[in-house]
Protein backbone atom coordinates (compact mmCIF):
# COMPACT_ATOMS: atom_id res chain seq x y z
CA MET A 1 94.91 115.94 126.72
CA SER A 2 96.46 113.77 123.55
CA PRO A 3 97.52 115.37 120.22
CA ARG A 4 94.39 115.58 118.25
CA VAL A 5 96.59 115.15 114.85
CA VAL A 6 99.48 113.45 113.52
CA ASN A 7 101.28 113.95 109.92
CA LEU A 8 102.56 110.88 108.46
CA GLY A 9 104.17 112.56 105.30
CA LEU A 10 107.88 112.66 104.61
CA PRO A 11 110.26 115.51 105.16
CA LYS A 12 110.17 118.06 102.19
CA SER A 13 106.48 117.42 101.59
CA GLY A 14 105.36 120.68 103.29
CA THR A 15 105.70 119.72 106.93
CA THR A 16 106.65 122.97 107.86
CA THR A 17 104.02 124.59 106.01
CA LEU A 18 101.64 122.53 108.01
CA ALA A 19 103.30 123.18 111.26
CA THR A 20 102.92 127.06 110.58
CA ALA A 21 99.44 126.97 109.90
CA LEU A 22 98.30 124.91 112.73
CA GLY A 23 100.44 127.08 115.03
CA ARG A 24 98.71 130.10 113.71
CA ALA A 25 95.38 128.36 114.13
CA GLY A 26 96.17 128.32 117.91
CA LEU A 27 97.46 124.73 118.20
CA ILE A 28 100.52 123.56 120.25
CA VAL A 29 102.66 122.09 117.49
CA ALA A 30 105.56 119.70 117.71
CA ASP A 31 107.67 119.83 114.38
CA HIS A 32 110.73 117.45 114.49
CA LYS A 33 111.71 118.41 117.90
CA LEU A 34 109.85 119.47 121.31
CA ARG A 35 111.36 123.02 121.40
CA ARG A 36 112.14 124.34 124.65
CA GLY A 37 109.98 127.01 125.72
CA ARG A 38 107.02 125.50 123.61
CA CYS A 39 106.90 122.02 125.21
CA PRO A 40 104.30 121.86 127.99
CA ASP A 41 106.63 119.36 129.58
CA PRO A 42 109.92 120.36 130.70
CA ALA A 43 111.16 116.99 131.15
CA ILE A 44 110.90 116.01 127.47
CA ALA A 45 111.69 119.68 126.05
CA GLY A 46 114.51 119.55 123.60
CA SER A 47 114.09 115.92 122.54
CA TYR A 48 112.92 114.38 119.24
CA VAL A 49 109.43 113.76 118.61
CA ALA A 50 110.23 110.51 116.88
CA ARG A 51 112.27 109.50 120.05
CA GLN A 52 109.06 110.36 122.53
CA LEU A 53 106.77 108.01 120.01
CA TYR A 54 108.93 105.08 120.13
CA ASP A 55 109.62 105.36 123.87
CA GLY A 56 105.89 105.28 124.58
CA TYR A 57 105.31 102.53 122.08
CA PHE A 58 107.83 100.18 123.39
CA GLY A 59 107.32 101.20 127.12
CA SER A 60 103.49 101.37 127.90
CA GLY A 61 102.52 100.47 124.18
CA ASP A 62 101.15 104.20 123.94
CA PRO A 63 103.17 106.19 121.50
CA LEU A 64 101.64 109.37 122.73
CA GLU A 65 102.18 108.55 126.51
CA ARG A 66 104.57 111.54 127.02
CA LEU A 67 103.03 114.06 124.61
CA GLY A 68 99.92 115.34 126.23
CA GLY A 69 99.61 118.92 125.77
CA ILE A 70 100.67 118.82 122.48
CA ASP A 71 97.97 119.32 119.82
CA ALA A 72 99.71 118.36 116.55
CA LEU A 73 102.69 116.60 115.53
CA THR A 74 103.76 117.69 111.98
CA GLU A 75 107.15 116.00 111.49
CA VAL A 76 107.87 112.93 113.10
CA SER A 77 111.24 111.38 111.61
CA VAL A 78 114.80 112.38 112.80
CA MET A 79 117.76 111.32 110.86
CA THR A 80 121.22 112.55 112.41
CA ARG A 81 124.48 110.86 112.50
CA GLY A 82 123.55 108.92 115.60
CA LEU A 83 119.81 108.38 115.17
CA CYS A 84 117.62 107.22 112.42
CA LEU A 85 113.94 107.00 113.48
CA TRP A 86 110.84 106.82 111.12
CA PRO A 87 107.68 106.49 113.05
CA GLN A 88 105.44 107.41 109.70
CA THR A 89 106.89 104.00 108.19
CA ASP A 90 106.23 101.81 111.23
CA PHE A 91 102.85 99.79 110.94
CA GLY A 92 103.11 98.57 114.46
CA LEU A 93 103.35 102.19 115.79
CA ILE A 94 100.83 103.55 113.56
CA GLU A 95 98.46 100.64 114.60
CA ALA A 96 98.98 101.45 118.21
CA LEU A 97 97.99 105.36 117.61
CA ARG A 98 95.04 104.24 115.71
CA THR A 99 93.59 101.77 118.38
CA ARG A 100 94.73 103.53 121.29
CA HIS A 101 93.34 106.85 120.44
CA PRO A 102 90.18 106.60 118.03
CA ASP A 103 89.40 110.30 118.11
CA LEU A 104 92.96 110.92 116.67
CA ARG A 105 93.40 112.30 113.12
CA PHE A 106 95.86 111.56 110.55
CA VAL A 107 97.17 113.43 107.75
CA ALA A 108 99.83 112.97 105.07
CA SER A 109 101.27 116.08 103.61
CA TRP A 110 102.14 115.04 99.90
CA ARG A 111 103.85 116.49 96.98
CA ALA A 112 104.88 114.57 93.82
CA PRO A 113 107.71 112.16 94.56
CA ALA A 114 110.05 113.70 92.02
CA ASP A 115 109.59 116.92 93.53
CA ILE A 116 110.44 115.47 97.04
CA ALA A 117 113.22 113.64 95.69
CA HIS A 118 114.73 116.93 94.44
CA SER A 119 113.86 118.83 97.37
CA MET A 120 115.83 116.15 99.64
CA LEU A 121 118.90 116.56 97.56
CA ARG A 122 118.94 120.36 97.89
CA TRP A 123 118.11 120.49 101.53
CA SER A 124 121.42 120.35 103.63
CA ASP A 125 123.12 116.95 103.37
CA LEU A 126 119.86 115.00 103.39
CA GLY A 127 119.98 113.41 99.99
CA THR A 128 123.71 113.44 99.28
CA ASP A 129 124.69 111.77 102.80
CA ARG A 130 122.45 111.34 105.48
CA LEU A 131 119.84 109.04 103.42
CA PRO A 132 122.45 107.04 101.44
CA ARG A 133 124.34 106.30 104.87
CA GLY A 134 121.61 105.84 106.96
CA ASN A 135 119.41 102.69 107.10
CA VAL A 136 115.49 103.99 106.48
CA PRO A 137 112.93 101.77 106.44
CA GLY A 138 112.22 100.82 102.77
CA MET A 139 115.54 102.39 101.70
CA PRO A 140 118.63 100.31 103.22
CA ARG A 141 121.85 101.75 103.67
CA GLY A 142 123.53 102.54 100.30
CA TYR A 143 120.58 103.62 98.52
CA GLY A 144 118.85 106.99 98.21
CA GLU A 145 121.56 109.03 96.38
CA THR A 146 120.15 108.99 93.14
CA ARG A 147 116.68 110.76 92.48
CA LEU A 148 115.31 107.65 90.96
CA GLU A 149 116.01 105.52 94.15
CA ARG A 150 114.46 108.39 96.46
CA ARG A 151 111.47 108.78 94.23
CA GLN A 152 110.69 105.08 94.36
CA TRP A 153 111.04 105.30 98.19
CA ILE A 154 108.75 108.09 98.45
CA ALA A 155 106.02 106.72 96.07
CA ALA A 156 105.98 103.53 98.00
CA HIS A 157 105.73 105.32 101.33
CA TYR A 158 102.58 107.16 100.32
CA ALA A 159 101.09 104.10 98.75
CA PHE A 160 101.62 101.98 102.16
CA LEU A 161 99.67 104.91 103.87
CA ASP A 162 96.78 104.90 101.20
CA ARG A 163 96.64 100.97 101.66
CA ILE A 164 96.55 100.66 105.48
CA PHE A 165 94.30 103.75 105.71
CA ALA A 166 91.92 102.81 102.86
CA GLY A 167 88.33 103.73 103.88
CA ASP A 168 89.27 105.18 107.10
CA PRO A 169 87.76 108.60 107.45
CA ARG A 170 90.28 109.71 110.13
CA PHE A 171 93.13 110.00 107.26
CA LEU A 172 93.58 112.75 104.77
CA ARG A 173 96.37 112.67 102.15
CA TYR A 174 96.47 116.22 100.79
CA ASP A 175 98.50 117.94 98.05
CA THR A 176 100.40 120.78 99.59
CA ALA A 177 100.33 122.85 96.42
CA ASP A 178 96.42 122.20 96.10
CA PRO A 179 94.68 125.40 96.10
CA ASP A 180 92.14 123.65 98.01
CA ALA A 181 94.34 122.44 100.39
CA SER A 182 93.76 124.61 103.54
CA ARG A 183 89.90 123.95 103.09
CA ARG A 184 90.28 119.95 102.98
CA LEU A 185 92.74 120.05 106.26
CA SER A 186 90.09 122.41 107.84
CA ALA A 187 87.16 120.20 107.09
CA HIS A 188 89.25 117.10 108.09
CA LEU A 189 90.41 118.92 111.37
CA GLY A 190 87.32 120.59 112.36
CA ILE A 191 89.36 123.88 112.74
CA ASP A 192 89.64 127.34 111.03
CA LEU A 193 92.94 127.67 109.15
CA PRO A 194 93.84 131.27 108.96
CA TRP A 195 96.74 131.17 107.05
CA TRP A 196 98.25 128.78 104.20
CA GLY A 197 101.41 129.42 102.37
CA LYS A 198 104.91 128.15 101.85
CA ALA A 199 107.28 127.84 104.79
CA ASN A 200 111.04 126.31 104.78
CA GLU A 201 111.58 126.72 101.16
CA ASN A 202 114.71 125.84 99.39
CA ARG A 203 115.58 129.29 98.04
CA GLY A 204 118.37 130.38 95.96
CA LEU A 205 120.03 126.87 95.51
CA PRO A 206 120.83 125.51 91.86
CA ALA A 207 118.59 122.92 90.40
CA SER A 208 120.39 119.60 89.95
């Protein structure tokens, strides 16, 4: 069985909160990596979700080819010093998901772009090193160090999702901080969410 839901939101938009909520609802969740001990397929355990999506897309044409047994993909991008993959920004890959899996639901976890931009700065070296040194779709190498640059890129990403999914009932963009977020997600996915809160917060770090 293929995944039931894919989150196309950016890092620091509430992806870990979504992963926690779906996991507590009984779903098998892959968040950024296919964790050993949780991945149904030992052959791909330990690999990145993004790598598997692209291997499937450029192999058979189906991004979910190797991801059977996973119910939810909640963080799909990866950015290390040697790997920069952002499936949530890729029109071709998203269209392959939509056409090959008509029952698949899409969500986009969202926070105000200024808040995501600030959170990225405070999270490890994402805003200070990895984004500026990377070559992220929509934000070429050399950009992304300032909050303004990150905010513009973030806003454009969500505008892209809104445009390509316009009128599609399979897509839901939700504000992670919205008191009604869990109810909207529950209705969209057709499952009960017994938990909704905050996970993976930036705690105790100075504002900047």
